[in-house]
Amino acid sequence: MSDSEEPATVSLTSSIGALVVTFLLVASVAGTLLGFNWTQAVLVGGFAGSVAIASAWLTARRTDDGN
């Protein structure tokens, strides 16, 4: 494995981890504490996970442009 492949693998792993953690946290809170039904909670959790990934991607891209 070359050095150029290493950051992409770490980035993908981090992105998937962030997506799963955000989804589970937001869906659980929306479904239990906020009183959404579970279909709505899953949709909100999926949207929140997508926003978290987009934010992380844009932040990493902005950081790479600065170097």
Protein backbone atom coordinates (compact mmCIF):
# COMPACT_ATOMS: atom_id res chain seq x y z
CA MET A 1 0.00 0.00 0.00
CA SER A 2 1.42 3.37 -0.96
CA ASP A 3 1.23 6.56 1.07
CA SER A 4 -1.34 8.05 -1.30
CA GLU A 5 -3.82 5.23 -0.55
CA GLU A 6 -3.54 5.43 3.24
CA PRO A 7 -5.36 8.75 3.86
CA ALA A 8 -8.24 7.76 1.56
CA THR A 9 -8.81 4.55 3.53
CA VAL A 10 -8.69 6.36 6.86
CA SER A 11 -10.99 9.05 5.52
CA LEU A 12 -13.54 6.50 4.30
CA THR A 13 -13.43 4.64 7.61
CA SER A 14 -13.85 7.86 9.56
CA SER A 15 -16.71 8.94 7.32
CA ILE A 16 -18.58 5.66 7.74
CA GLY A 17 -18.01 5.77 11.49
CA ALA A 18 -19.30 9.33 11.70
CA LEU A 19 -22.34 8.41 9.63
CA VAL A 20 -23.23 5.43 11.83
CA VAL A 21 -22.68 7.24 15.13
CA THR A 22 -24.62 10.32 14.03
CA PHE A 23 -27.47 8.25 12.64
CA LEU A 24 -27.81 6.11 15.76
CA LEU A 25 -27.58 9.05 18.14
CA VAL A 26 -30.01 11.33 16.31
CA ALA A 27 -32.51 8.56 15.49
CA SER A 28 -32.51 7.37 19.11
CA VAL A 29 -32.99 10.85 20.53
CA ALA A 30 -35.68 11.73 17.99
CA GLY A 31 -37.54 8.46 18.56
CA THR A 32 -37.42 8.36 22.35
CA LEU A 33 -36.99 11.85 23.76
CA LEU A 34 -38.62 14.02 21.11
CA GLY A 35 -41.61 11.80 20.46
CA PHE A 36 -41.20 11.26 16.70
CA ASN A 37 -42.48 7.96 15.36
CA TRP A 38 -39.67 5.62 14.30
CA THR A 39 -40.10 6.25 10.58
CA GLN A 40 -39.64 9.96 11.14
CA ALA A 41 -36.73 9.32 13.51
CA VAL A 42 -34.95 7.20 10.90
CA LEU A 43 -35.46 9.88 8.25
CA VAL A 44 -34.15 12.60 10.58
CA GLY A 45 -31.20 10.41 11.57
CA GLY A 46 -30.34 9.72 7.93
CA PHE A 47 -30.50 13.40 7.08
CA ALA A 48 -28.33 14.29 10.07
CA GLY A 49 -25.78 11.64 9.07
CA SER A 50 -25.66 12.99 5.53
CA VAL A 51 -25.12 16.52 6.80
CA ALA A 52 -22.33 15.31 9.11
CA ILE A 53 -20.54 13.59 6.22
CA ALA A 54 -20.95 16.61 3.94
CA SER A 55 -19.62 18.89 6.67
CA ALA A 56 -16.61 16.66 7.32
CA TRP A 57 -15.87 16.40 3.59
CA LEU A 58 -16.07 20.15 3.08
CA THR A 59 -13.90 20.82 6.13
CA ALA A 60 -11.25 18.35 4.94
CA ARG A 61 -11.35 19.84 1.45
CA ARG A 62 -10.96 23.35 2.84
CA THR A 63 -8.01 22.18 4.96
CA ASP A 64 -6.35 20.55 1.93
CA ASP A 65 -6.76 23.73 -0.11
CA GLY A 66 -5.01 25.73 2.59
CA ASN A 67 -1.84 23.61 2.50
